[in-house]
Amino acid sequence: MERVGADHAVVSGITMIETPGHTPGHMSVLIEDGGQQLLVTGDALTHPSVSFEKPDWQPTTDQNPELAAKTRRTLLDRAASDGLLLVGYHLPWPGVGRAEAKDGAWRYVAEG
């Protein structure tokens, strides 16, 4: 096993993205193919309403609440501006959607 840092390309088209705060060293996985991008968020986004609409709220499960909030804002900003498809373990069925920027916050929009 090898510890990797920010924007580490595992292989062509698969990049590890640092998304710390929920847990130390938390990473998300960016998968790119044919001009499309999918981000597997892991535990960086833990609730379809709270994480998107109130990213500064601090769930008790975040080990570093301030850093987790900053990470959520950065991640959602990138997801909305780049049109990333998001896969999240805590997002409602089918667990795939997009972030839509709205009035200084974001909204989760499910795909499919």
PDB file of N, CA and C in Angstrom:
ATOM      1  N   MET A   1       0.828  -1.151   0.000  1.00  0.00           N
ATOM      2  CA  MET A   1       0.000   0.000   0.000  1.00  0.00           C
ATOM      3  C   MET A   1       0.888   1.233   0.000  1.00  0.00           C
ATOM      4  N   GLU A   2       0.436   2.242  -0.720  1.00  0.00           N
ATOM      5  CA  GLU A   2       1.182   3.491  -0.815  1.00  0.00           C
ATOM      6  C   GLU A   2       0.257   4.651  -0.469  1.00  0.00           C
ATOM      7  N   ARG A   3       0.714   5.515   0.397  1.00  0.00           N
ATOM      8  CA  ARG A   3      -0.056   6.710   0.747  1.00  0.00           C
ATOM      9  C   ARG A   3       0.106   7.735  -0.372  1.00  0.00           C
ATOM     10  N   VAL A   4      -1.023   8.324  -0.801  1.00  0.00           N
ATOM     11  CA  VAL A   4      -0.978   9.304  -1.885  1.00  0.00           C
ATOM     12  C   VAL A   4      -1.554  10.627  -1.399  1.00  0.00           C
ATOM     13  N   GLY A   5      -1.259  11.685  -2.131  1.00  0.00           N
ATOM     14  CA  GLY A   5      -1.744  13.012  -1.763  1.00  0.00           C
ATOM     15  C   GLY A   5      -2.713  13.557  -2.792  1.00  0.00           C
ATOM     16  N   ALA A   6      -2.831  14.862  -2.784  1.00  0.00           N
ATOM     17  CA  ALA A   6      -3.798  15.557  -3.633  1.00  0.00           C
ATOM     18  C   ALA A   6      -3.565  15.289  -5.109  1.00  0.00           C
ATOM     19  N   ASP A   7      -4.663  15.108  -5.806  1.00  0.00           N
ATOM     20  CA  ASP A   7      -4.643  14.956  -7.259  1.00  0.00           C
ATOM     21  C   ASP A   7      -3.619  13.925  -7.726  1.00  0.00           C
ATOM     22  N   HIS A   8      -3.646  12.767  -7.097  1.00  0.00           N
ATOM     23  CA  HIS A   8      -2.749  11.672  -7.465  1.00  0.00           C
ATOM     24  C   HIS A   8      -3.422  10.813  -8.532  1.00  0.00           C
ATOM     25  N   ALA A   9      -2.805  10.725  -9.714  1.00  0.00           N
ATOM     26  CA  ALA A   9      -3.336   9.881 -10.788  1.00  0.00           C
ATOM     27  C   ALA A   9      -2.954   8.434 -10.506  1.00  0.00           C
ATOM     28  N   VAL A  10      -3.953   7.595 -10.272  1.00  0.00           N
ATOM     29  CA  VAL A  10      -3.710   6.173 -10.025  1.00  0.00           C
ATOM     30  C   VAL A  10      -3.325   5.514 -11.337  1.00  0.00           C
ATOM     31  N   VAL A  11      -4.145   5.708 -12.329  1.00  0.00           N
ATOM     32  CA  VAL A  11      -3.896   5.309 -13.715  1.00  0.00           C
ATOM     33  C   VAL A  11      -4.556   6.380 -14.573  1.00  0.00           C
ATOM     34  N   SER A  12      -4.350   6.323 -15.856  1.00  0.00           N
ATOM     35  CA  SER A  12      -4.975   7.304 -16.737  1.00  0.00           C
ATOM     36  C   SER A  12      -6.494   7.271 -16.560  1.00  0.00           C
ATOM     37  N   GLY A  13      -7.076   8.419 -16.209  1.00  0.00           N
ATOM     38  CA  GLY A  13      -8.522   8.521 -16.052  1.00  0.00           C
ATOM     39  C   GLY A  13      -9.040   8.318 -14.642  1.00  0.00           C
ATOM     40  N   ILE A  14      -8.178   7.950 -13.698  1.00  0.00           N
ATOM     41  CA  ILE A  14      -8.601   7.773 -12.301  1.00  0.00           C
ATOM     42  C   ILE A  14      -7.656   8.564 -11.406  1.00  0.00           C
ATOM     43  N   THR A  15      -8.218   9.565 -10.722  1.00  0.00           N
ATOM     44  CA  THR A  15      -7.426  10.469  -9.891  1.00  0.00           C
ATOM     45  C   THR A  15      -7.998  10.525  -8.484  1.00  0.00           C
ATOM     46  N   MET A  16      -7.136  10.429  -7.495  1.00  0.00           N
ATOM     47  CA  MET A  16      -7.531  10.572  -6.096  1.00  0.00           C
ATOM     48  C   MET A  16      -7.546  12.059  -5.756  1.00  0.00           C
ATOM     49  N   ILE A  17      -8.631  12.513  -5.128  1.00  0.00           N
ATOM     50  CA  ILE A  17      -8.809  13.911  -4.754  1.00  0.00           C
ATOM     51  C   ILE A  17      -8.903  13.992  -3.230  1.00  0.00           C
ATOM     52  N   GLU A  18      -8.103  14.856  -2.623  1.00  0.00           N
ATOM     53  CA  GLU A  18      -8.186  15.028  -1.168  1.00  0.00           C
ATOM     54  C   GLU A  18      -9.507  15.698  -0.802  1.00  0.00           C
ATOM     55  N   THR A  19     -10.249  15.077   0.120  1.00  0.00           N
ATOM     56  CA  THR A  19     -11.501  15.650   0.629  1.00  0.00           C
ATOM     57  C   THR A  19     -11.532  15.463   2.150  1.00  0.00           C
ATOM     58  N   PRO A  20     -10.618  16.086   2.865  1.00  0.00           N
ATOM     59  CA  PRO A  20     -10.467  15.853   4.302  1.00  0.00           C
ATOM     60  C   PRO A  20     -11.538  16.542   5.146  1.00  0.00           C
ATOM     61  N   GLY A  21     -11.623  16.086   6.379  1.00  0.00           N
ATOM     62  CA  GLY A  21     -12.505  16.720   7.351  1.00  0.00           C
ATOM     63  C   GLY A  21     -13.429  15.730   8.015  1.00  0.00           C
ATOM     64  N   HIS A  22     -14.101  14.904   7.207  1.00  0.00           N
ATOM     65  CA  HIS A  22     -14.956  13.878   7.807  1.00  0.00           C
ATOM     66  C   HIS A  22     -14.078  12.933   8.622  1.00  0.00           C
ATOM     67  N   THR A  23     -12.991  12.514   7.994  1.00  0.00           N
ATOM     68  CA  THR A  23     -11.954  11.733   8.670  1.00  0.00           C
ATOM     69  C   THR A  23     -10.606  12.231   8.151  1.00  0.00           C
ATOM     70  N   PRO A  24      -9.541  12.045   8.938  1.00  0.00           N
ATOM     71  CA  PRO A  24      -8.212  12.449   8.465  1.00  0.00           C
ATOM     72  C   PRO A  24      -7.832  11.649   7.214  1.00  0.00           C
ATOM     73  N   GLY A  25      -7.334  12.329   6.218  1.00  0.00           N
ATOM     74  CA  GLY A  25      -6.873  11.653   5.010  1.00  0.00           C
ATOM     75  C   GLY A  25      -7.975  11.196   4.067  1.00  0.00           C
ATOM     76  N   HIS A  26      -9.211  11.617   4.296  1.00  0.00           N
ATOM     77  CA  HIS A  26     -10.321  11.179   3.433  1.00  0.00           C
ATOM     78  C   HIS A  26     -10.044  11.570   1.986  1.00  0.00           C
ATOM     79  N   MET A  27     -10.325  10.650   1.081  1.00  0.00           N
ATOM     80  CA  MET A  27     -10.115  10.883  -0.348  1.00  0.00           C
ATOM     81  C   MET A  27     -11.389  10.553  -1.116  1.00  0.00           C
ATOM     82  N   SER A  28     -11.576  11.223  -2.234  1.00  0.00           N
ATOM     83  CA  SER A  28     -12.630  10.903  -3.184  1.00  0.00           C
ATOM     84  C   SER A  28     -11.943  10.491  -4.480  1.00  0.00           C
ATOM     85  N   VAL A  29     -12.700   9.833  -5.363  1.00  0.00           N
ATOM     86  CA  VAL A  29     -12.117   9.310  -6.593  1.00  0.00           C
ATOM     87  C   VAL A  29     -12.786   9.966  -7.797  1.00  0.00           C
ATOM     88  N   LEU A  30     -11.982  10.605  -8.642  1.00  0.00           N
ATOM     89  CA  LEU A  30     -12.475  11.222  -9.874  1.00  0.00           C
ATOM     90  C   LEU A  30     -12.167  10.283 -11.032  1.00  0.00           C
ATOM     91  N   ILE A  31     -13.220   9.897 -11.754  1.00  0.00           N
ATOM     92  CA  ILE A  31     -13.077   8.999 -12.901  1.00  0.00           C
ATOM     93  C   ILE A  31     -13.461   9.782 -14.152  1.00  0.00           C
ATOM     94  N   GLU A  32     -12.568   9.779 -15.139  1.00  0.00           N
ATOM     95  CA  GLU A  32     -12.794  10.529 -16.375  1.00  0.00           C
ATOM     96  C   GLU A  32     -12.678   9.602 -17.576  1.00  0.00           C
ATOM     97  N   ASP A  33     -13.638   9.742 -18.501  1.00  0.00           N
ATOM     98  CA  ASP A  33     -13.592   8.950 -19.725  1.00  0.00           C
ATOM     99  C   ASP A  33     -14.431   9.641 -20.795  1.00  0.00           C
ATOM    100  N   GLY A  34     -13.871   9.802 -21.955  1.00  0.00           N
ATOM    101  CA  GLY A  34     -14.607  10.374 -23.072  1.00  0.00           C
ATOM    102  C   GLY A  34     -15.178  11.748 -22.804  1.00  0.00           C
ATOM    103  N   GLY A  35     -14.477  12.564 -22.027  1.00  0.00           N
ATOM    104  CA  GLY A  35     -14.943  13.908 -21.725  1.00  0.00           C
ATOM    105  C   GLY A  35     -15.969  13.981 -20.613  1.00  0.00           C
ATOM    106  N   GLN A  36     -16.345  12.845 -20.045  1.00  0.00           N
ATOM    107  CA  GLN A  36     -17.281  12.825 -18.925  1.00  0.00           C
ATOM    108  C   GLN A  36     -16.520  12.565 -17.637  1.00  0.00           C
ATOM    109  N   GLN A  37     -17.035  13.142 -16.528  1.00  0.00           N
ATOM    110  CA  GLN A  37     -16.385  12.979 -15.230  1.00  0.00           C
ATOM    111  C   GLN A  37     -17.391  12.507 -14.192  1.00  0.00           C
ATOM    112  N   LEU A  38     -16.957  11.568 -13.377  1.00  0.00           N
ATOM    113  CA  LEU A  38     -17.760  11.038 -12.287  1.00  0.00           C
ATOM    114  C   LEU A  38     -16.914  11.109 -11.023  1.00  0.00           C
ATOM    115  N   LEU A  39     -17.481  11.645  -9.955  1.00  0.00           N
ATOM    116  CA  LEU A  39     -16.754  11.763  -8.695  1.00  0.00           C
ATOM    117  C   LEU A  39     -17.414  10.886  -7.647  1.00  0.00           C
ATOM    118  N   VAL A  40     -16.675   9.917  -7.132  1.00  0.00           N
ATOM    119  CA  VAL A  40     -17.137   9.065  -6.036  1.00  0.00           C
ATOM    120  C   VAL A  40     -16.743   9.790  -4.756  1.00  0.00           C
ATOM    121  N   THR A  41     -17.741  10.323  -4.035  1.00  0.00           N
ATOM    122  CA  THR A  41     -17.475  11.242  -2.930  1.00  0.00           C
ATOM    123  C   THR A  41     -17.171  10.567  -1.602  1.00  0.00           C
ATOM    124  N   GLY A  42     -17.444   9.272  -1.476  1.00  0.00           N
ATOM    125  CA  GLY A  42     -17.240   8.617  -0.184  1.00  0.00           C
ATOM    126  C   GLY A  42     -18.074   9.298   0.881  1.00  0.00           C
ATOM    127  N   ASP A  43     -17.459   9.665   1.995  1.00  0.00           N
ATOM    128  CA  ASP A  43     -18.170  10.319   3.094  1.00  0.00           C
ATOM    129  C   ASP A  43     -18.008  11.838   3.100  1.00  0.00           C
ATOM    130  N   ALA A  44     -17.527  12.412   2.010  1.00  0.00           N
ATOM    131  CA  ALA A  44     -17.395  13.876   1.949  1.00  0.00           C
ATOM    132  C   ALA A  44     -18.763  14.549   1.939  1.00  0.00           C
ATOM    133  N   LEU A  45     -19.761  13.876   1.354  1.00  0.00           N
ATOM    134  CA  LEU A  45     -21.143  14.364   1.341  1.00  0.00           C
ATOM    135  C   LEU A  45     -21.996  13.294   2.014  1.00  0.00           C
ATOM    136  N   THR A  46     -22.556  13.620   3.168  1.00  0.00           N
ATOM    137  CA  THR A  46     -23.229  12.586   3.962  1.00  0.00           C
ATOM    138  C   THR A  46     -24.739  12.698   4.016  1.00  0.00           C
ATOM    139  N   HIS A  47     -25.313  13.750   3.436  1.00  0.00           N
ATOM    140  CA  HIS A  47     -26.768  13.890   3.472  1.00  0.00           C
ATOM    141  C   HIS A  47     -27.219  14.707   2.261  1.00  0.00           C
ATOM    142  N   PRO A  48     -28.248  14.244   1.537  1.00  0.00           N
ATOM    143  CA  PRO A  48     -28.652  14.930   0.315  1.00  0.00           C
ATOM    144  C   PRO A  48     -29.168  16.349   0.532  1.00  0.00           C
ATOM    145  N   SER A  49     -29.707  16.644   1.685  1.00  0.00           N
ATOM    146  CA  SER A  49     -30.168  18.015   1.949  1.00  0.00           C
ATOM    147  C   SER A  49     -29.116  18.804   2.705  1.00  0.00           C
ATOM    148  N   VAL A  50     -28.698  18.296   3.843  1.00  0.00           N
ATOM    149  CA  VAL A  50     -27.794  19.047   4.713  1.00  0.00           C
ATOM    150  C   VAL A  50     -26.460  19.339   4.029  1.00  0.00           C
ATOM    151  N   SER A  51     -25.810  18.338   3.471  1.00  0.00           N
ATOM    152  CA  SER A  51     -24.491  18.544   2.855  1.00  0.00           C
ATOM    153  C   SER A  51     -24.542  19.548   1.712  1.00  0.00           C
ATOM    154  N   PHE A  52     -25.642  19.570   0.976  1.00  0.00           N
ATOM    155  CA  PHE A  52     -25.765  20.447  -0.188  1.00  0.00           C
ATOM    156  C   PHE A  52     -26.310  21.823   0.188  1.00  0.00           C
ATOM    157  N   GLU A  53     -27.391  21.848   0.952  1.00  0.00           N
ATOM    158  CA  GLU A  53     -28.076  23.112   1.247  1.00  0.00           C
ATOM    159  C   GLU A  53     -27.483  23.863   2.436  1.00  0.00           C
ATOM    160  N   LYS A  54     -26.882  23.140   3.364  1.00  0.00           N
ATOM    161  CA  LYS A  54     -26.298  23.739   4.571  1.00  0.00           C
ATOM    162  C   LYS A  54     -24.898  23.164   4.799  1.00  0.00           C
ATOM    163  N   PRO A  55     -23.973  23.365   3.855  1.00  0.00           N
ATOM    164  CA  PRO A  55     -22.662  22.717   3.958  1.00  0.00           C
ATOM    165  C   PRO A  55     -21.843  23.134   5.174  1.00  0.00           C
ATOM    166  N   ASP A  56     -22.197  24.253   5.795  1.00  0.00           N
ATOM    167  CA  ASP A  56     -21.454  24.690   6.978  1.00  0.00           C
ATOM    168  C   ASP A  56     -21.966  24.056   8.271  1.00  0.00           C
ATOM    169  N   TRP A  57     -23.117  23.395   8.210  1.00  0.00           N
ATOM    170  CA  TRP A  57     -23.584  22.678   9.398  1.00  0.00           C
ATOM    171  C   TRP A  57     -22.574  21.586   9.710  1.00  0.00           C
ATOM    172  N   GLN A  58     -22.397  21.295  10.962  1.00  0.00           N
ATOM    173  CA  GLN A  58     -21.336  20.381  11.375  1.00  0.00           C
ATOM    174  C   GLN A  58     -21.904  19.120  12.023  1.00  0.00           C
ATOM    175  N   PRO A  59     -22.049  18.047  11.227  1.00  0.00           N
ATOM    176  CA  PRO A  59     -22.509  16.782  11.797  1.00  0.00           C
ATOM    177  C   PRO A  59     -21.527  16.276  12.853  1.00  0.00           C
ATOM    178  N   THR A  60     -22.040  15.588  13.840  1.00  0.00           N
ATOM    179  CA  THR A  60     -21.175  15.060  14.906  1.00  0.00           C
ATOM    180  C   THR A  60     -20.204  14.009  14.380  1.00  0.00           C
ATOM    181  N   THR A  61     -20.461  13.476  13.193  1.00  0.00           N
ATOM    182  CA  THR A  61     -19.573  12.454  12.629  1.00  0.00           C
ATOM    183  C   THR A  61     -18.324  13.038  11.968  1.00  0.00           C
ATOM    184  N   ASP A  62     -18.300  14.352  11.728  1.00  0.00           N
ATOM    185  CA  ASP A  62     -17.108  14.979  11.143  1.00  0.00           C
ATOM    186  C   ASP A  62     -16.035  15.124  12.216  1.00  0.00           C
ATOM    187  N   GLN A  63     -14.867  14.540  11.981  1.00  0.00           N
ATOM    188  CA  GLN A  63     -13.796  14.600  12.968  1.00  0.00           C
ATOM    189  C   GLN A  63     -13.127  15.968  13.013  1.00  0.00           C
ATOM    190  N   ASN A  64     -13.156  16.695  11.912  1.00  0.00           N
ATOM    191  CA  ASN A  64     -12.657  18.071  11.876  1.00  0.00           C
ATOM    192  C   ASN A  64     -13.750  18.905  11.201  1.00  0.00           C
ATOM    193  N   PRO A  65     -14.737  19.365  11.975  1.00  0.00           N
ATOM    194  CA  PRO A  65     -15.921  20.010  11.403  1.00  0.00           C
ATOM    195  C   PRO A  65     -15.634  21.212  10.506  1.00  0.00           C
ATOM    196  N   GLU A  66     -14.713  22.077  10.903  1.00  0.00           N
ATOM    197  CA  GLU A  66     -14.423  23.258  10.093  1.00  0.00           C
ATOM    198  C   GLU A  66     -13.818  22.870   8.742  1.00  0.00           C
ATOM    199  N   LEU A  67     -12.889  21.923   8.770  1.00  0.00           N
ATOM    200  CA  LEU A  67     -12.262  21.466   7.532  1.00  0.00           C
ATOM    201  C   LEU A  67     -13.273  20.726   6.659  1.00  0.00           C
ATOM    202  N   ALA A  68     -14.142  19.935   7.267  1.00  0.00           N
ATOM    203  CA  ALA A  68     -15.170  19.211   6.510  1.00  0.00           C
ATOM    204  C   ALA A  68     -16.102  20.185   5.798  1.00  0.00           C
ATOM    205  N   ALA A  69     -16.497  21.264   6.473  1.00  0.00           N
ATOM    206  CA  ALA A  69     -17.375  22.270   5.861  1.00  0.00           C
ATOM    207  C   ALA A  69     -16.673  22.944   4.681  1.00  0.00           C
ATOM    208  N   LYS A  70     -15.406  23.284   4.862  1.00  0.00           N
ATOM    209  CA  LYS A  70     -14.630  23.895   3.775  1.00  0.00           C
ATOM    210  C   LYS A  70     -14.523  22.931   2.594  1.00  0.00           C
ATOM    211  N   THR A  71     -14.280  21.660   2.889  1.00  0.00           N
ATOM    212  CA  THR A  71     -14.182  20.641   1.846  1.00  0.00           C
ATOM    213  C   THR A  71     -15.496  20.509   1.089  1.00  0.00           C
ATOM    214  N   ARG A  72     -16.620  20.468   1.816  1.00  0.00           N
ATOM    215  CA  ARG A  72     -17.923  20.359   1.152  1.00  0.00           C
ATOM    216  C   ARG A  72     -18.152  21.526   0.195  1.00  0.00           C
ATOM    217  N   ARG A  73     -17.850  22.742   0.649  1.00  0.00           N
ATOM    218  CA  ARG A  73     -18.053  23.922  -0.203  1.00  0.00           C
ATOM    219  C   ARG A  73     -17.174  23.847  -1.463  1.00  0.00           C
ATOM    220  N   THR A  74     -15.916  23.489  -1.289  1.00  0.00           N
ATOM    221  CA  THR A  74     -14.994  23.376  -2.423  1.00  0.00           C
ATOM    222  C   THR A  74     -15.454  22.289  -3.389  1.00  0.00           C
ATOM    223  N   LEU A  75     -15.827  21.143  -2.839  1.00  0.00           N
ATOM    224  CA  LEU A  75     -16.262  20.005  -3.646  1.00  0.00           C
ATOM    225  C   LEU A  75     -17.545  20.331  -4.414  1.00  0.00           C
ATOM    226  N   LEU A  76     -18.520  20.923  -3.740  1.00  0.00           N
ATOM    227  CA  LEU A  76     -19.790  21.254  -4.389  1.00  0.00           C
ATOM    228  C   LEU A  76     -19.625  22.350  -5.435  1.00  0.00           C
ATOM    229  N   ASP A  77     -18.762  23.309  -5.158  1.00  0.00           N
ATOM    230  CA  ASP A  77     -18.486  24.364  -6.131  1.00  0.00           C
ATOM    231  C   ASP A  77     -17.900  23.764  -7.408  1.00  0.00           C
ATOM    232  N   ARG A  78     -16.943  22.875  -7.239  1.00  0.00           N
ATOM    233  CA  ARG A  78     -16.325  22.217  -8.398  1.00  0.00           C
ATOM    234  C   ARG A  78     -17.336  21.335  -9.124  1.00  0.00           C
ATOM    235  N   ALA A  79     -18.118  20.585  -8.367  1.00  0.00           N
ATOM    236  CA  ALA A  79     -19.099  19.687  -8.976  1.00  0.00           C
ATOM    237  C   ALA A  79     -20.116  20.463  -9.807  1.00  0.00           C
ATOM    238  N   ALA A  80     -20.595  21.582  -9.272  1.00  0.00           N
ATOM    239  CA  ALA A  80     -21.591  22.384  -9.992  1.00  0.00           C
ATOM    240  C   ALA A  80     -20.978  23.073 -11.210  1.00  0.00           C
ATOM    241  N   SER A  81     -19.809  23.669 -11.038  1.00  0.00           N
ATOM    242  CA  SER A  81     -19.208  24.419 -12.152  1.00  0.00           C
ATOM    243  C   SER A  81     -18.700  23.504 -13.264  1.00  0.00           C
ATOM    244  N   ASP A  82     -18.224  22.305 -12.904  1.00  0.00           N
ATOM    245  CA  ASP A  82     -17.703  21.372 -13.909  1.00  0.00           C
ATOM    246  C   ASP A  82     -18.750  20.381 -14.403  1.00  0.00           C
ATOM    247  N   GLY A  83     -19.947  20.409 -13.820  1.00  0.00           N
ATOM    248  CA  GLY A  83     -20.998  19.475 -14.222  1.00  0.00           C
ATOM    249  C   GLY A  83     -20.687  18.029 -13.889  1.00  0.00           C
ATOM    250  N   LEU A  84     -19.968  17.813 -12.774  1.00  0.00           N
ATOM    251  CA  LEU A  84     -19.585  16.455 -12.400  1.00  0.00           C
ATOM    252  C   LEU A  84     -20.795  15.608 -12.030  1.00  0.00           C
ATOM    253  N   LEU A  85     -20.774  14.368 -12.440  1.00  0.00           N
ATOM    254  CA  LEU A  85     -21.732  13.387 -11.970  1.00  0.00           C
ATOM    255  C   LEU A  85     -21.201  12.885 -10.634  1.00  0.00           C
ATOM    256  N   LEU A  86     -22.047  12.866  -9.616  1.00  0.00           N
ATOM    257  CA  LEU A  86     -21.626  12.474  -8.273  1.00  0.00           C
ATOM    258  C   LEU A  86     -22.196  11.113  -7.902  1.00  0.00           C
ATOM    259  N   VAL A  87     -21.375  10.288  -7.291  1.00  0.00           N
ATOM    260  CA  VAL A  87     -21.821   9.036  -6.696  1.00  0.00           C
ATOM    261  C   VAL A  87     -21.537   9.160  -5.213  1.00  0.00           C
ATOM    262  N   GLY A  88     -22.573   8.978  -4.406  1.00  0.00           N
ATOM    263  CA  GLY A  88     -22.401   9.102  -2.964  1.00  0.00           C
ATOM    264  C   GLY A  88     -23.091   7.971  -2.237  1.00  0.00           C
ATOM    265  N   TYR A  89     -22.406   7.405  -1.274  1.00  0.00           N
ATOM    266  CA  TYR A  89     -22.952   6.268  -0.526  1.00  0.00           C
ATOM    267  C   TYR A  89     -24.154   6.671   0.316  1.00  0.00           C
ATOM    268  N   HIS A  90     -24.260   7.942   0.667  1.00  0.00           N
ATOM    269  CA  HIS A  90     -25.346   8.405   1.529  1.00  0.00           C
ATOM    270  C   HIS A  90     -26.421   9.161   0.754  1.00  0.00           C
ATOM    271  N   LEU A  91     -26.316   9.194  -0.552  1.00  0.00           N
ATOM    272  CA  LEU A  91     -27.303   9.890  -1.371  1.00  0.00           C
ATOM    273  C   LEU A  91     -28.451   8.933  -1.691  1.00  0.00           C
ATOM    274  N   PRO A  92     -29.673   9.471  -1.880  1.00  0.00           N
ATOM    275  CA  PRO A  92     -30.818   8.594  -2.121  1.00  0.00           C
ATOM    276  C   PRO A  92     -30.711   7.850  -3.455  1.00  0.00           C
ATOM    277  N   TRP A  93     -31.444   6.757  -3.536  1.00  0.00           N
ATOM    278  CA  TRP A  93     -31.464   5.922  -4.731  1.00  0.00           C
ATOM    279  C   TRP A  93     -31.682   6.790  -5.959  1.00  0.00           C
ATOM    280  N   PRO A  94     -30.919   6.659  -6.995  1.00  0.00           N
ATOM    281  CA  PRO A  94     -29.938   5.605  -7.240  1.00  0.00           C
ATOM    282  C   PRO A  94     -28.531   5.927  -6.736  1.00  0.00           C
ATOM    283  N   GLY A  95     -28.391   6.980  -5.938  1.00  0.00           N
ATOM    284  CA  GLY A  95     -27.081   7.342  -5.391  1.00  0.00           C
ATOM    285  C   GLY A  95     -26.199   8.080  -6.372  1.00  0.00           C
ATOM    286  N   VAL A  96     -26.794   8.510  -7.480  1.00  0.00           N
ATOM    287  CA  VAL A  96     -26.061   9.213  -8.530  1.00  0.00           C
ATOM    288  C   VAL A  96     -26.818  10.502  -8.850  1.00  0.00           C
ATOM    289  N   GLY A  97     -26.094  11.610  -8.915  1.00  0.00           N
ATOM    290  CA  GLY A  97     -26.752  12.874  -9.228  1.00  0.00           C
ATOM    291  C   GLY A  97     -25.745  13.976  -9.480  1.00  0.00           C
ATOM    292  N   ARG A  98     -26.242  15.192  -9.440  1.00  0.00           N
ATOM    293  CA  ARG A  98     -25.398  16.358  -9.689  1.00  0.00           C
ATOM    294  C   ARG A  98     -25.671  17.429  -8.644  1.00  0.00           C
ATOM    295  N   ALA A  99     -24.731  18.340  -8.503  1.00  0.00           N
ATOM    296  CA  ALA A  99     -24.902  19.493  -7.617  1.00  0.00           C
ATOM    297  C   ALA A  99     -25.281  20.686  -8.484  1.00  0.00           C
ATOM    298  N   GLU A 100     -26.339  21.352  -8.093  1.00  0.00           N
ATOM    299  CA  GLU A 100     -26.786  22.550  -8.800  1.00  0.00           C
ATOM    300  C   GLU A 100     -26.643  23.740  -7.859  1.00  0.00           C
ATOM    301  N   ALA A 101     -25.881  24.750  -8.280  1.00  0.00           N
ATOM    302  CA  ALA A 101     -25.683  25.946  -7.451  1.00  0.00           C
ATOM    303  C   ALA A 101     -26.979  26.746  -7.402  1.00  0.00           C
ATOM    304  N   LYS A 102     -27.323  27.200  -6.173  1.00  0.00           N
ATOM    305  CA  LYS A 102     -28.561  27.960  -6.015  1.00  0.00           C
ATOM    306  C   LYS A 102     -28.462  28.859  -4.793  1.00  0.00           C
ATOM    307  N   ASP A 103     -28.449  30.182  -5.011  1.00  0.00           N
ATOM    308  CA  ASP A 103     -28.495  31.168  -3.930  1.00  0.00           C
ATOM    309  C   ASP A 103     -27.434  30.955  -2.855  1.00  0.00           C
ATOM    310  N   GLY A 104     -26.194  30.751  -3.260  1.00  0.00           N
ATOM    311  CA  GLY A 104     -25.101  30.600  -2.308  1.00  0.00           C
ATOM    312  C   GLY A 104     -25.020  29.235  -1.653  1.00  0.00           C
ATOM    313  N   ALA A 105     -25.854  28.310  -2.104  1.00  0.00           N
ATOM    314  CA  ALA A 105     -25.825  26.933  -1.606  1.00  0.00           C
ATOM    315  C   ALA A 105     -25.936  26.023  -2.831  1.00  0.00           C
ATOM    316  N   TRP A 106     -26.242  24.764  -2.602  1.00  0.00           N
ATOM    317  CA  TRP A 106     -26.372  23.817  -3.697  1.00  0.00           C
ATOM    318  C   TRP A 106     -27.610  22.976  -3.471  1.00  0.00           C
ATOM    319  N   ARG A 107     -28.022  22.327  -4.531  1.00  0.00           N
ATOM    320  CA  ARG A 107     -29.164  21.426  -4.466  1.00  0.00           C
ATOM    321  C   ARG A 107     -28.736  20.125  -5.106  1.00  0.00           C
ATOM    322  N   TYR A 108     -29.118  19.004  -4.494  1.00  0.00           N
ATOM    323  CA  TYR A 108     -28.832  17.694  -5.067  1.00  0.00           C
ATOM    324  C   TYR A 108     -29.920  17.362  -6.079  1.00  0.00           C
ATOM    325  N   VAL A 109     -29.502  17.008  -7.292  1.00  0.00           N
ATOM    326  CA  VAL A 109     -30.435  16.625  -8.344  1.00  0.00           C
ATOM    327  C   VAL A 109     -30.096  15.201  -8.763  1.00  0.00           C
ATOM    328  N   ALA A 110     -30.981  14.260  -8.436  1.00  0.00           N
ATOM    329  CA  ALA A 110     -30.752  12.850  -8.754  1.00  0.00           C
ATOM    330  C   ALA A 110     -30.796  12.627 -10.262  1.00  0.00           C
ATOM    331  N   GLU A 111     -29.994  11.696 -10.740  1.00  0.00           N
ATOM    332  CA  GLU A 111     -29.996  11.299 -12.148  1.00  0.00           C
ATOM    333  C   GLU A 111     -30.847  10.048 -12.303  1.00  0.00           C
ATOM    334  N   GLY A 112     -31.420   9.912 -13.474  1.00  0.00           N
ATOM    335  CA  GLY A 112     -32.106   8.664 -13.791  1.00  0.00           C
ATOM    336  C   GLY A 112     -33.544   8.589 -13.485  1.00  0.00           C
TER     337      GLY A 112
END
